[in-house]
Amino acid sequence: MTGPTSVPAEHRATAVLFDFGGVLTSSVFEAFREFGESIGCDPRLPLRLFSDDVEARALLVAHEEGRMGEREFEQGFAARLRAHGVEVDGAGLVHRIQSGLRADSAMIELVTEVRTAGFRVGLLSNSLGDDCYAGFDLASMFDAVTISGEIGVRKPSRRAYDIACARLHVEPGATVMVDDLPQNIVAAEHAGLTGVLHRDAADTIERLWAALGPS
């Protein structure tokens, strides 16, 4: 494990916010591609709908902000898939997507090591489904947990970062955000946090410790 490197005191962070899907788990992009393959369509289509299809994107935003339950989201997303020529039943759709996600043990270990080194650690996650954190004891892993569906706002909204930092009792300028989506990193940096774009555990471990400096 790479340890902290020297960083000027005025730039040292005291806390880290971790994303969930795609950071503490395997790639969300791969999970959606696997789902696309499983329903017999272009593997890129399910994820592409959330960026290119206005109705599908509105469904995702409403669900992630807690304004729409899992069942309604599933039925709505299935309808959007059918509108693009893919026959699929909405029941259990979220579970089928999440079945492609696997815990990343190296990243989970990193959370523990960062906390043990004296930094506060928090989770800031856009939620998908009613049971997307099953198998993770978030309360014991983190000093504070911020879930979009519970606070009514999602990344990349600045308010999501502000709420997560407030729950950690830290200023944004003293916080590092680890996320796998470039737009969420850009938003975090606009909110005053330091961003670390996650691609794989080895790279993130090195760059996070460099951003943190000595505790």
N, C-alpha and C. Protein backbone atom coordinates (compact mmCIF):
# COMPACT_ATOMS: atom_id res chain seq x y z
N MET A 1 0.85 -1.19 0.00
CA MET A 1 0.00 0.00 0.00
C MET A 1 0.88 1.23 0.00
N THR A 2 0.57 2.17 -0.88
CA THR A 2 1.31 3.41 -0.93
C THR A 2 0.80 4.33 0.16
N GLY A 3 1.69 4.89 0.95
CA GLY A 3 1.30 5.76 2.04
C GLY A 3 1.27 7.21 1.63
N PRO A 4 0.93 8.12 2.56
CA PRO A 4 0.85 9.53 2.27
C PRO A 4 2.19 10.10 1.85
N THR A 5 2.16 11.07 0.96
CA THR A 5 3.36 11.79 0.55
C THR A 5 3.27 13.21 1.06
N SER A 6 4.35 13.95 0.96
CA SER A 6 4.41 15.29 1.52
C SER A 6 3.59 16.28 0.70
N VAL A 7 2.68 16.98 1.38
CA VAL A 7 1.86 18.01 0.77
C VAL A 7 1.88 19.21 1.69
N PRO A 8 1.99 20.45 1.16
CA PRO A 8 2.00 21.63 2.00
C PRO A 8 0.80 21.65 2.95
N ALA A 9 1.02 22.09 4.19
CA ALA A 9 -0.01 22.01 5.21
C ALA A 9 -1.30 22.70 4.79
N GLU A 10 -1.17 23.85 4.07
CA GLU A 10 -2.37 24.58 3.72
C GLU A 10 -3.23 23.87 2.69
N HIS A 11 -2.69 22.83 2.06
CA HIS A 11 -3.43 22.09 1.05
C HIS A 11 -3.85 20.70 1.52
N ARG A 12 -3.55 20.36 2.75
CA ARG A 12 -3.87 19.02 3.23
C ARG A 12 -5.36 18.84 3.47
N ALA A 13 -5.85 17.71 3.05
CA ALA A 13 -7.24 17.35 3.30
C ALA A 13 -7.35 16.61 4.63
N THR A 14 -8.55 16.64 5.20
CA THR A 14 -8.79 15.92 6.45
C THR A 14 -9.90 14.88 6.31
N ALA A 15 -10.50 14.83 5.12
CA ALA A 15 -11.62 13.90 4.94
C ALA A 15 -11.71 13.45 3.49
N VAL A 16 -12.34 12.29 3.31
CA VAL A 16 -12.55 11.73 1.97
C VAL A 16 -14.00 11.28 1.83
N LEU A 17 -14.60 11.64 0.72
CA LEU A 17 -15.92 11.14 0.34
C LEU A 17 -15.73 10.11 -0.77
N PHE A 18 -16.31 8.96 -0.59
CA PHE A 18 -16.25 7.90 -1.59
C PHE A 18 -17.62 7.73 -2.24
N ASP A 19 -17.63 7.57 -3.56
CA ASP A 19 -18.82 7.12 -4.27
C ASP A 19 -18.98 5.63 -3.98
N PHE A 20 -20.14 5.09 -4.34
CA PHE A 20 -20.38 3.66 -4.12
C PHE A 20 -20.23 2.86 -5.42
N GLY A 21 -21.27 2.84 -6.26
CA GLY A 21 -21.22 2.05 -7.47
C GLY A 21 -20.13 2.49 -8.43
N GLY A 22 -19.27 1.56 -8.80
CA GLY A 22 -18.17 1.87 -9.68
C GLY A 22 -16.90 2.28 -8.96
N VAL A 23 -17.00 2.49 -7.65
CA VAL A 23 -15.81 2.82 -6.84
C VAL A 23 -15.58 1.73 -5.80
N LEU A 24 -16.57 1.46 -4.98
CA LEU A 24 -16.46 0.37 -4.01
C LEU A 24 -16.92 -0.95 -4.63
N THR A 25 -17.40 -0.86 -5.86
CA THR A 25 -17.81 -2.06 -6.59
C THR A 25 -17.11 -2.07 -7.96
N SER A 26 -17.33 -3.12 -8.68
CA SER A 26 -16.86 -3.20 -10.05
C SER A 26 -17.60 -2.15 -10.89
N SER A 27 -17.23 -2.03 -12.15
CA SER A 27 -17.73 -0.97 -13.02
C SER A 27 -19.25 -1.02 -13.22
N VAL A 28 -19.89 0.12 -13.02
CA VAL A 28 -21.31 0.25 -13.31
C VAL A 28 -21.53 0.15 -14.82
N PHE A 29 -20.61 0.68 -15.59
CA PHE A 29 -20.72 0.62 -17.05
C PHE A 29 -20.75 -0.83 -17.52
N GLU A 30 -19.88 -1.65 -16.94
CA GLU A 30 -19.85 -3.07 -17.31
C GLU A 30 -21.14 -3.77 -16.88
N ALA A 31 -21.67 -3.40 -15.72
CA ALA A 31 -22.92 -4.01 -15.25
C ALA A 31 -24.07 -3.71 -16.21
N PHE A 32 -24.12 -2.48 -16.70
CA PHE A 32 -25.17 -2.12 -17.65
C PHE A 32 -24.96 -2.83 -18.98
N ARG A 33 -23.70 -2.98 -19.38
CA ARG A 33 -23.43 -3.70 -20.63
C ARG A 33 -23.84 -5.17 -20.51
N GLU A 34 -23.55 -5.77 -19.35
CA GLU A 34 -23.96 -7.15 -19.13
C GLU A 34 -25.47 -7.28 -19.15
N PHE A 35 -26.13 -6.30 -18.56
CA PHE A 35 -27.59 -6.30 -18.57
C PHE A 35 -28.11 -6.21 -20.00
N GLY A 36 -27.52 -5.31 -20.80
CA GLY A 36 -27.93 -5.18 -22.19
C GLY A 36 -27.78 -6.48 -22.96
N GLU A 37 -26.68 -7.16 -22.73
CA GLU A 37 -26.47 -8.46 -23.38
C GLU A 37 -27.52 -9.47 -22.93
N SER A 38 -27.87 -9.42 -21.64
CA SER A 38 -28.81 -10.40 -21.10
C SER A 38 -30.22 -10.24 -21.67
N ILE A 39 -30.56 -9.03 -22.12
CA ILE A 39 -31.90 -8.82 -22.67
C ILE A 39 -31.87 -8.79 -24.20
N GLY A 40 -30.71 -9.11 -24.77
CA GLY A 40 -30.61 -9.30 -26.20
C GLY A 40 -30.61 -8.05 -27.04
N CYS A 41 -30.10 -6.94 -26.48
CA CYS A 41 -30.04 -5.70 -27.27
C CYS A 41 -28.59 -5.24 -27.39
N ASP A 42 -28.39 -4.13 -28.06
CA ASP A 42 -27.08 -3.50 -28.10
C ASP A 42 -26.64 -3.28 -26.65
N PRO A 43 -25.52 -3.85 -26.22
CA PRO A 43 -25.11 -3.72 -24.83
C PRO A 43 -24.96 -2.27 -24.36
N ARG A 44 -24.78 -1.36 -25.31
CA ARG A 44 -24.61 0.05 -24.95
C ARG A 44 -25.93 0.77 -24.75
N LEU A 45 -27.03 0.17 -25.20
CA LEU A 45 -28.31 0.87 -25.19
C LEU A 45 -28.82 1.24 -23.80
N PRO A 46 -28.89 0.33 -22.82
CA PRO A 46 -29.49 0.70 -21.53
C PRO A 46 -28.83 1.92 -20.90
N LEU A 47 -27.53 1.98 -20.89
CA LEU A 47 -26.86 3.13 -20.29
C LEU A 47 -27.00 4.37 -21.16
N ARG A 48 -26.99 4.17 -22.48
CA ARG A 48 -27.09 5.31 -23.39
C ARG A 48 -28.43 6.01 -23.25
N LEU A 49 -29.48 5.26 -22.91
CA LEU A 49 -30.79 5.87 -22.75
C LEU A 49 -30.78 6.97 -21.69
N PHE A 50 -29.97 6.78 -20.65
CA PHE A 50 -29.96 7.77 -19.57
C PHE A 50 -29.30 9.09 -19.97
N SER A 51 -28.57 9.08 -21.06
CA SER A 51 -28.00 10.33 -21.54
C SER A 51 -28.71 10.87 -22.76
N ASP A 52 -29.28 9.98 -23.60
CA ASP A 52 -29.85 10.40 -24.89
C ASP A 52 -31.38 10.43 -24.92
N ASP A 53 -32.02 9.72 -24.02
CA ASP A 53 -33.48 9.63 -24.02
C ASP A 53 -34.03 10.49 -22.88
N VAL A 54 -34.75 11.55 -23.23
CA VAL A 54 -35.22 12.51 -22.23
C VAL A 54 -36.08 11.84 -21.16
N GLU A 55 -36.97 10.95 -21.58
CA GLU A 55 -37.86 10.30 -20.61
C GLU A 55 -37.11 9.35 -19.69
N ALA A 56 -36.17 8.61 -20.24
CA ALA A 56 -35.39 7.68 -19.41
C ALA A 56 -34.54 8.46 -18.41
N ARG A 57 -33.96 9.56 -18.85
CA ARG A 57 -33.15 10.36 -17.94
C ARG A 57 -34.00 10.94 -16.81
N ALA A 58 -35.21 11.40 -17.16
CA ALA A 58 -36.10 11.94 -16.13
C ALA A 58 -36.48 10.87 -15.11
N LEU A 59 -36.67 9.64 -15.57
CA LEU A 59 -36.95 8.53 -14.65
C LEU A 59 -35.80 8.32 -13.68
N LEU A 60 -34.57 8.32 -14.21
CA LEU A 60 -33.41 8.09 -13.37
C LEU A 60 -33.24 9.19 -12.33
N VAL A 61 -33.38 10.44 -12.76
CA VAL A 61 -33.24 11.56 -11.83
C VAL A 61 -34.29 11.48 -10.73
N ALA A 62 -35.54 11.21 -11.11
CA ALA A 62 -36.61 11.13 -10.11
C ALA A 62 -36.36 10.00 -9.12
N HIS A 63 -35.87 8.88 -9.63
CA HIS A 63 -35.60 7.74 -8.75
C HIS A 63 -34.42 8.04 -7.83
N GLU A 64 -33.35 8.55 -8.38
CA GLU A 64 -32.17 8.83 -7.56
C GLU A 64 -32.44 9.91 -6.51
N GLU A 65 -33.37 10.79 -6.78
CA GLU A 65 -33.71 11.84 -5.81
C GLU A 65 -34.81 11.41 -4.84
N GLY A 66 -35.23 10.16 -4.94
CA GLY A 66 -36.21 9.64 -3.99
C GLY A 66 -37.64 10.04 -4.28
N ARG A 67 -37.91 10.57 -5.46
CA ARG A 67 -39.26 10.97 -5.82
C ARG A 67 -40.02 9.87 -6.55
N MET A 68 -39.35 8.76 -6.83
CA MET A 68 -39.96 7.64 -7.53
C MET A 68 -39.40 6.35 -6.96
N GLY A 69 -40.27 5.42 -6.61
CA GLY A 69 -39.84 4.16 -6.04
C GLY A 69 -39.25 3.22 -7.08
N GLU A 70 -38.66 2.14 -6.58
CA GLU A 70 -38.01 1.18 -7.46
C GLU A 70 -38.97 0.58 -8.47
N ARG A 71 -40.15 0.16 -8.02
CA ARG A 71 -41.11 -0.50 -8.92
C ARG A 71 -41.52 0.44 -10.06
N GLU A 72 -41.83 1.67 -9.73
CA GLU A 72 -42.25 2.62 -10.77
C GLU A 72 -41.11 2.90 -11.74
N PHE A 73 -39.90 3.03 -11.19
CA PHE A 73 -38.74 3.24 -12.06
C PHE A 73 -38.55 2.07 -13.01
N GLU A 74 -38.65 0.86 -12.48
CA GLU A 74 -38.48 -0.33 -13.30
C GLU A 74 -39.48 -0.37 -14.45
N GLN A 75 -40.74 -0.10 -14.14
CA GLN A 75 -41.76 -0.14 -15.17
C GLN A 75 -41.54 0.95 -16.22
N GLY A 76 -41.13 2.12 -15.76
CA GLY A 76 -40.88 3.21 -16.69
C GLY A 76 -39.69 2.96 -17.58
N PHE A 77 -38.62 2.41 -17.00
CA PHE A 77 -37.42 2.13 -17.79
C PHE A 77 -37.68 1.00 -18.78
N ALA A 78 -38.43 0.00 -18.35
CA ALA A 78 -38.79 -1.09 -19.26
C ALA A 78 -39.58 -0.55 -20.45
N ALA A 79 -40.46 0.42 -20.19
CA ALA A 79 -41.25 1.02 -21.27
C ALA A 79 -40.34 1.76 -22.24
N ARG A 80 -39.31 2.42 -21.72
CA ARG A 80 -38.39 3.14 -22.60
C ARG A 80 -37.56 2.15 -23.43
N LEU A 81 -37.20 1.02 -22.85
CA LEU A 81 -36.50 -0.01 -23.61
C LEU A 81 -37.40 -0.56 -24.71
N ARG A 82 -38.66 -0.79 -24.37
CA ARG A 82 -39.60 -1.30 -25.38
C ARG A 82 -39.80 -0.28 -26.50
N ALA A 83 -39.76 1.01 -26.14
CA ALA A 83 -39.90 2.05 -27.16
C ALA A 83 -38.73 2.03 -28.14
N HIS A 84 -37.63 1.42 -27.72
CA HIS A 84 -36.46 1.29 -28.58
C HIS A 84 -36.33 -0.13 -29.12
N GLY A 85 -37.43 -0.86 -29.09
CA GLY A 85 -37.47 -2.17 -29.73
C GLY A 85 -37.02 -3.34 -28.90
N VAL A 86 -36.89 -3.16 -27.58
CA VAL A 86 -36.42 -4.24 -26.72
C VAL A 86 -37.56 -4.69 -25.82
N GLU A 87 -38.00 -5.93 -25.98
CA GLU A 87 -39.08 -6.45 -25.15
C GLU A 87 -38.51 -6.95 -23.82
N VAL A 88 -38.91 -6.33 -22.75
CA VAL A 88 -38.39 -6.69 -21.43
C VAL A 88 -39.44 -6.42 -20.38
N ASP A 89 -39.50 -7.27 -19.37
CA ASP A 89 -40.42 -7.09 -18.25
C ASP A 89 -39.74 -6.21 -17.21
N GLY A 90 -40.49 -5.27 -16.66
CA GLY A 90 -39.91 -4.36 -15.67
C GLY A 90 -39.64 -5.01 -14.33
N ALA A 91 -40.37 -6.03 -13.97
CA ALA A 91 -40.22 -6.65 -12.65
C ALA A 91 -38.80 -7.21 -12.46
N GLY A 92 -38.14 -6.76 -11.39
CA GLY A 92 -36.80 -7.24 -11.10
C GLY A 92 -35.70 -6.64 -11.95
N LEU A 93 -36.02 -5.64 -12.73
CA LEU A 93 -35.04 -5.05 -13.65
C LEU A 93 -33.84 -4.48 -12.90
N VAL A 94 -34.08 -3.77 -11.80
CA VAL A 94 -32.97 -3.17 -11.05
C VAL A 94 -32.05 -4.26 -10.50
N HIS A 95 -32.65 -5.32 -9.98
CA HIS A 95 -31.83 -6.41 -9.45
C HIS A 95 -30.97 -7.03 -10.54
N ARG A 96 -31.53 -7.15 -11.74
CA ARG A 96 -30.76 -7.72 -12.85
C ARG A 96 -29.57 -6.84 -13.19
N ILE A 97 -29.75 -5.53 -13.12
CA ILE A 97 -28.63 -4.62 -13.38
C ILE A 97 -27.58 -4.76 -12.27
N GLN A 98 -28.05 -4.75 -11.04
CA GLN A 98 -27.12 -4.79 -9.90
C GLN A 98 -26.40 -6.12 -9.76
N SER A 99 -26.93 -7.17 -10.35
CA SER A 99 -26.29 -8.48 -10.25
C SER A 99 -24.92 -8.48 -10.94
N GLY A 100 -24.68 -7.49 -11.79
CA GLY A 100 -23.38 -7.40 -12.44
C GLY A 100 -22.34 -6.66 -11.63
N LEU A 101 -22.72 -6.15 -10.47
CA LEU A 101 -21.79 -5.42 -9.61
C LEU A 101 -21.20 -6.34 -8.55
N ARG A 102 -19.88 -6.24 -8.38
CA ARG A 102 -19.20 -7.03 -7.36
C ARG A 102 -18.35 -6.11 -6.49
N ALA A 103 -18.28 -6.41 -5.21
CA ALA A 103 -17.50 -5.60 -4.29
C ALA A 103 -16.04 -5.58 -4.71
N ASP A 104 -15.42 -4.41 -4.63
CA ASP A 104 -13.99 -4.25 -4.92
C ASP A 104 -13.24 -4.27 -3.59
N SER A 105 -12.65 -5.39 -3.27
CA SER A 105 -12.03 -5.56 -1.94
C SER A 105 -10.89 -4.58 -1.71
N ALA A 106 -10.14 -4.23 -2.76
CA ALA A 106 -9.03 -3.30 -2.60
C ALA A 106 -9.53 -1.90 -2.23
N MET A 107 -10.64 -1.50 -2.82
CA MET A 107 -11.18 -0.18 -2.50
C MET A 107 -11.83 -0.16 -1.13
N ILE A 108 -12.47 -1.25 -0.75
CA ILE A 108 -13.05 -1.32 0.59
C ILE A 108 -11.95 -1.28 1.65
N GLU A 109 -10.85 -1.95 1.36
CA GLU A 109 -9.70 -1.90 2.26
C GLU A 109 -9.14 -0.49 2.35
N LEU A 110 -9.15 0.22 1.22
CA LEU A 110 -8.65 1.60 1.21
C LEU A 110 -9.47 2.48 2.15
N VAL A 111 -10.79 2.31 2.14
CA VAL A 111 -11.64 3.09 3.04
C VAL A 111 -11.19 2.89 4.49
N THR A 112 -10.97 1.64 4.86
CA THR A 112 -10.53 1.33 6.22
C THR A 112 -9.18 1.94 6.53
N GLU A 113 -8.25 1.85 5.59
CA GLU A 113 -6.90 2.35 5.83
C GLU A 113 -6.88 3.88 5.92
N VAL A 114 -7.68 4.55 5.11
CA VAL A 114 -7.75 6.01 5.18
C VAL A 114 -8.32 6.43 6.53
N ARG A 115 -9.34 5.74 6.97
CA ARG A 115 -9.95 6.06 8.27
C ARG A 115 -8.98 5.78 9.40
N THR A 116 -8.28 4.67 9.32
CA THR A 116 -7.31 4.31 10.36
C THR A 116 -6.17 5.33 10.42
N ALA A 117 -5.85 5.93 9.29
CA ALA A 117 -4.79 6.94 9.24
C ALA A 117 -5.21 8.27 9.85
N GLY A 118 -6.47 8.38 10.27
CA GLY A 118 -6.92 9.57 10.97
C GLY A 118 -7.80 10.51 10.17
N PHE A 119 -8.14 10.13 8.96
CA PHE A 119 -9.02 10.96 8.13
C PHE A 119 -10.47 10.55 8.35
N ARG A 120 -11.37 11.51 8.27
CA ARG A 120 -12.79 11.19 8.30
C ARG A 120 -13.19 10.68 6.93
N VAL A 121 -14.05 9.68 6.91
CA VAL A 121 -14.47 9.10 5.64
C VAL A 121 -16.00 9.10 5.55
N GLY A 122 -16.50 9.43 4.38
CA GLY A 122 -17.94 9.45 4.18
C GLY A 122 -18.31 8.83 2.85
N LEU A 123 -19.56 8.44 2.73
CA LEU A 123 -20.10 7.93 1.47
C LEU A 123 -21.03 8.98 0.90
N LEU A 124 -20.88 9.27 -0.39
CA LEU A 124 -21.81 10.13 -1.11
C LEU A 124 -22.21 9.40 -2.38
N SER A 125 -23.43 8.90 -2.40
CA SER A 125 -23.84 7.99 -3.47
C SER A 125 -25.20 8.35 -4.04
N ASN A 126 -25.29 8.30 -5.37
CA ASN A 126 -26.59 8.35 -6.03
C ASN A 126 -27.18 6.95 -5.99
N SER A 127 -28.36 6.80 -5.39
CA SER A 127 -28.92 5.47 -5.16
C SER A 127 -29.67 4.96 -6.38
N LEU A 128 -29.64 3.65 -6.56
CA LEU A 128 -30.41 2.99 -7.61
C LEU A 128 -31.02 1.73 -7.00
N GLY A 129 -32.32 1.73 -6.84
CA GLY A 129 -32.99 0.58 -6.24
C GLY A 129 -33.13 0.73 -4.73
N ASP A 130 -34.00 -0.09 -4.17
CA ASP A 130 -34.28 -0.01 -2.74
C ASP A 130 -33.27 -0.76 -1.89
N ASP A 131 -32.45 -1.60 -2.52
CA ASP A 131 -31.56 -2.47 -1.74
C ASP A 131 -30.16 -2.51 -2.35
N CYS A 132 -29.72 -1.37 -2.90
CA CYS A 132 -28.46 -1.39 -3.65
C CYS A 132 -27.22 -1.50 -2.76
N TYR A 133 -27.38 -1.31 -1.45
CA TYR A 133 -26.22 -1.38 -0.55
C TYR A 133 -26.22 -2.67 0.28
N ALA A 134 -27.02 -3.62 -0.13
CA ALA A 134 -27.08 -4.89 0.59
C ALA A 134 -25.70 -5.55 0.64
N GLY A 135 -25.34 -6.04 1.81
CA GLY A 135 -24.05 -6.69 1.96
C GLY A 135 -22.96 -5.77 2.43
N PHE A 136 -23.24 -4.47 2.51
CA PHE A 136 -22.26 -3.49 2.97
C PHE A 136 -22.76 -2.88 4.28
N ASP A 137 -21.95 -2.94 5.32
CA ASP A 137 -22.31 -2.33 6.60
C ASP A 137 -21.82 -0.89 6.57
N LEU A 138 -22.59 -0.03 5.92
CA LEU A 138 -22.16 1.35 5.70
C LEU A 138 -21.95 2.10 7.01
N ALA A 139 -22.78 1.83 7.99
CA ALA A 139 -22.68 2.54 9.27
C ALA A 139 -21.35 2.29 9.97
N SER A 140 -20.80 1.10 9.80
CA SER A 140 -19.53 0.79 10.44
C SER A 140 -18.34 1.19 9.56
N MET A 141 -18.55 1.29 8.26
CA MET A 141 -17.47 1.64 7.35
C MET A 141 -17.16 3.13 7.34
N PHE A 142 -18.22 3.96 7.54
CA PHE A 142 -18.08 5.40 7.32
C PHE A 142 -18.47 6.21 8.55
N ASP A 143 -17.89 7.40 8.62
CA ASP A 143 -18.27 8.35 9.68
C ASP A 143 -19.60 9.01 9.37
N ALA A 144 -19.95 9.11 8.09
CA ALA A 144 -21.23 9.68 7.68
C ALA A 144 -21.61 9.10 6.33
N VAL A 145 -22.90 8.88 6.15
CA VAL A 145 -23.42 8.30 4.90
C VAL A 145 -24.46 9.25 4.32
N THR A 146 -24.27 9.62 3.06
CA THR A 146 -25.20 10.53 2.38
C THR A 146 -25.67 9.86 1.10
N ILE A 147 -26.97 9.55 1.05
CA ILE A 147 -27.58 8.84 -0.07
C ILE A 147 -28.56 9.78 -0.77
N SER A 148 -28.46 9.88 -2.08
CA SER A 148 -29.28 10.84 -2.82
C SER A 148 -30.77 10.66 -2.57
N GLY A 149 -31.23 9.41 -2.56
CA GLY A 149 -32.64 9.16 -2.38
C GLY A 149 -33.17 9.58 -1.02
N GLU A 150 -32.26 9.73 -0.04
CA GLU A 150 -32.66 10.12 1.31
C GLU A 150 -32.63 11.63 1.50
N ILE A 151 -31.76 12.32 0.76
CA ILE A 151 -31.63 13.77 0.93
C ILE A 151 -32.38 14.54 -0.16
N GLY A 152 -32.87 13.84 -1.19
CA GLY A 152 -33.66 14.48 -2.22
C GLY A 152 -32.87 15.26 -3.25
N VAL A 153 -31.58 15.02 -3.32
CA VAL A 153 -30.74 15.69 -4.31
C VAL A 153 -29.61 14.76 -4.69
N ARG A 154 -29.18 14.81 -5.94
CA ARG A 154 -28.18 13.88 -6.45
C ARG A 154 -26.96 14.62 -6.97
N LYS A 155 -25.84 13.89 -7.00
CA LYS A 155 -24.69 14.41 -7.73
C LYS A 155 -25.08 14.50 -9.20
N PRO A 156 -24.68 15.51 -9.93
CA PRO A 156 -23.63 16.48 -9.59
C PRO A 156 -24.12 17.79 -8.97
N SER A 157 -25.29 17.80 -8.33
CA SER A 157 -25.74 19.02 -7.67
C SER A 157 -24.77 19.44 -6.57
N ARG A 158 -24.45 20.72 -6.52
CA ARG A 158 -23.54 21.20 -5.48
C ARG A 158 -24.09 20.92 -4.09
N ARG A 159 -25.40 20.97 -3.95
CA ARG A 159 -25.99 20.76 -2.62
C ARG A 159 -25.67 19.36 -2.09
N ALA A 160 -25.56 18.38 -2.96
CA ALA A 160 -25.23 17.02 -2.50
C ALA A 160 -23.86 17.01 -1.83
N TYR A 161 -22.90 17.71 -2.42
CA TYR A 161 -21.55 17.75 -1.83
C TYR A 161 -21.56 18.55 -0.52
N ASP A 162 -22.31 19.65 -0.51
CA ASP A 162 -22.39 20.47 0.70
C ASP A 162 -22.98 19.66 1.86
N ILE A 163 -24.05 18.92 1.58
CA ILE A 163 -24.68 18.12 2.64
C ILE A 163 -23.72 17.04 3.14
N ALA A 164 -23.04 16.37 2.21
CA ALA A 164 -22.11 15.30 2.60
C ALA A 164 -20.97 15.84 3.45
N CYS A 165 -20.44 17.00 3.09
CA CYS A 165 -19.37 17.60 3.89
C CYS A 165 -19.87 18.03 5.27
N ALA A 166 -21.07 18.59 5.29
CA ALA A 166 -21.64 19.01 6.57
C ALA A 166 -21.83 17.82 7.50
N ARG A 167 -22.26 16.70 6.95
CA ARG A 167 -22.45 15.51 7.78
C ARG A 167 -21.12 14.97 8.31
N LEU A 168 -20.06 15.23 7.57
CA LEU A 168 -18.73 14.82 8.03
C LEU A 168 -18.10 15.85 8.95
N HIS A 169 -18.74 17.02 9.07
CA HIS A 169 -18.22 18.13 9.87
C HIS A 169 -16.87 18.61 9.34
N VAL A 170 -16.80 18.73 8.01
CA VAL A 170 -15.59 19.23 7.37
C VAL A 170 -15.97 20.25 6.30
N GLU A 171 -15.04 21.12 5.97
CA GLU A 171 -15.25 22.07 4.90
C GLU A 171 -14.96 21.40 3.56
N PRO A 172 -15.64 21.80 2.50
CA PRO A 172 -15.35 21.23 1.18
C PRO A 172 -13.88 21.33 0.79
N GLY A 173 -13.24 22.44 1.14
CA GLY A 173 -11.84 22.63 0.79
C GLY A 173 -10.88 21.66 1.47
N ALA A 174 -11.37 20.96 2.51
CA ALA A 174 -10.54 19.99 3.22
C ALA A 174 -10.94 18.57 2.89
N THR A 175 -11.69 18.41 1.80
CA THR A 175 -12.27 17.11 1.47
C THR A 175 -11.88 16.67 0.07
N VAL A 176 -11.60 15.37 -0.07
CA VAL A 176 -11.33 14.76 -1.37
C VAL A 176 -12.52 13.91 -1.75
N MET A 177 -12.96 14.01 -3.01
CA MET A 177 -14.05 13.19 -3.53
C MET A 177 -13.51 12.17 -4.50
N VAL A 178 -13.82 10.89 -4.26
CA VAL A 178 -13.42 9.81 -5.16
C VAL A 178 -14.66 9.33 -5.89
N ASP A 179 -14.68 9.46 -7.22
CA ASP A 179 -15.87 9.12 -8.00
C ASP A 179 -15.41 8.60 -9.36
N ASP A 180 -16.24 7.75 -9.96
CA ASP A 180 -15.86 7.18 -11.27
C ASP A 180 -16.45 7.95 -12.45
N LEU A 181 -17.27 8.98 -12.18
CA LEU A 181 -17.88 9.74 -13.27
C LEU A 181 -17.21 11.11 -13.38
N PRO A 182 -16.66 11.44 -14.55
CA PRO A 182 -15.99 12.73 -14.72
C PRO A 182 -16.85 13.93 -14.34
N GLN A 183 -18.15 13.88 -14.70
CA GLN A 183 -19.01 15.03 -14.40
C GLN A 183 -19.18 15.24 -12.90
N ASN A 184 -19.13 14.16 -12.13
CA ASN A 184 -19.24 14.29 -10.68
C ASN A 184 -17.96 14.86 -10.07
N ILE A 185 -16.83 14.53 -10.68
CA ILE A 185 -15.56 15.09 -10.22
C ILE A 185 -15.49 16.58 -10.54
N VAL A 186 -15.89 16.95 -11.74
CA VAL A 186 -15.91 18.37 -12.12
C VAL A 186 -16.80 19.15 -11.15
N ALA A 187 -17.99 18.62 -10.86
CA ALA A 187 -18.91 19.29 -9.94
C ALA A 187 -18.33 19.39 -8.54
N ALA A 188 -17.67 18.33 -8.09
CA ALA A 188 -17.04 18.35 -6.77
C ALA A 188 -15.99 19.45 -6.69
N GLU A 189 -15.18 19.56 -7.72
CA GLU A 189 -14.14 20.59 -7.73
C GLU A 189 -14.73 21.99 -7.78
N HIS A 190 -15.84 22.16 -8.49
CA HIS A 190 -16.54 23.45 -8.50
C HIS A 190 -17.08 23.78 -7.11
N ALA A 191 -17.42 22.74 -6.34
CA ALA A 191 -17.93 22.94 -4.98
C ALA A 191 -16.80 23.14 -3.97
N GLY A 192 -15.55 23.07 -4.43
CA GLY A 192 -14.41 23.33 -3.56
C GLY A 192 -13.65 22.11 -3.10
N LEU A 193 -14.12 20.91 -3.46
CA LEU A 193 -13.43 19.70 -3.06
C LEU A 193 -12.29 19.40 -4.03
N THR A 194 -11.40 18.52 -3.62
CA THR A 194 -10.38 17.98 -4.50
C THR A 194 -10.92 16.69 -5.10
N GLY A 195 -10.81 16.53 -6.40
CA GLY A 195 -11.36 15.35 -7.04
C GLY A 195 -10.31 14.32 -7.42
N VAL A 196 -10.66 13.06 -7.22
CA VAL A 196 -9.86 11.93 -7.70
C VAL A 196 -10.77 11.06 -8.54
N LEU A 197 -10.51 11.03 -9.84
CA LEU A 197 -11.32 10.23 -10.75
C LEU A 197 -10.87 8.79 -10.69
N HIS A 198 -11.79 7.91 -10.31
CA HIS A 198 -11.47 6.50 -10.13
C HIS A 198 -11.55 5.74 -11.44
N ARG A 199 -10.49 5.00 -11.74
CA ARG A 199 -10.47 4.10 -12.88
C ARG A 199 -10.16 2.67 -12.44
N ASP A 200 -9.21 2.52 -11.53
CA ASP A 200 -8.91 1.22 -10.94
C ASP A 200 -8.30 1.45 -9.57
N ALA A 201 -8.29 0.41 -8.76
CA ALA A 201 -7.87 0.56 -7.37
C ALA A 201 -6.43 1.03 -7.24
N ALA A 202 -5.52 0.44 -8.01
CA ALA A 202 -4.11 0.78 -7.87
C ALA A 202 -3.86 2.26 -8.14
N ASP A 203 -4.46 2.79 -9.19
CA ASP A 203 -4.28 4.21 -9.53
C ASP A 203 -4.92 5.10 -8.49
N THR A 204 -6.11 4.76 -8.04
CA THR A 204 -6.80 5.58 -7.05
C THR A 204 -6.07 5.59 -5.73
N ILE A 205 -5.57 4.45 -5.31
CA ILE A 205 -4.82 4.38 -4.06
C ILE A 205 -3.64 5.33 -4.10
N GLU A 206 -2.88 5.31 -5.17
CA GLU A 206 -1.71 6.18 -5.28
C GLU A 206 -2.10 7.65 -5.29
N ARG A 207 -3.09 8.00 -6.09
CA ARG A 207 -3.43 9.41 -6.22
C ARG A 207 -4.18 9.95 -5.00
N LEU A 208 -4.95 9.10 -4.34
CA LEU A 208 -5.64 9.56 -3.14
C LEU A 208 -4.65 9.87 -2.02
N TRP A 209 -3.69 8.97 -1.79
CA TRP A 209 -2.71 9.23 -0.75
C TRP A 209 -1.89 10.48 -1.07
N ALA A 210 -1.60 10.70 -2.34
CA ALA A 210 -0.87 11.89 -2.75
C ALA A 210 -1.69 13.14 -2.44
N ALA A 211 -3.00 13.07 -2.65
CA ALA A 211 -3.86 14.21 -2.38
C ALA A 211 -4.01 14.47 -0.89
N LEU A 212 -3.96 13.41 -0.09
CA LEU A 212 -4.15 13.56 1.34
C LEU A 212 -2.92 14.09 2.05
N GLY A 213 -1.75 13.62 1.62
CA GLY A 213 -0.55 14.04 2.35
C GLY A 213 -0.51 13.39 3.72
N PRO A 214 0.48 13.77 4.55
CA PRO A 214 0.59 13.15 5.88
C PRO A 214 -0.57 13.56 6.77
N SER A 215 -1.03 12.61 7.56
CA SER A 215 -2.15 12.90 8.48
C SER A 215 -1.66 13.68 9.68
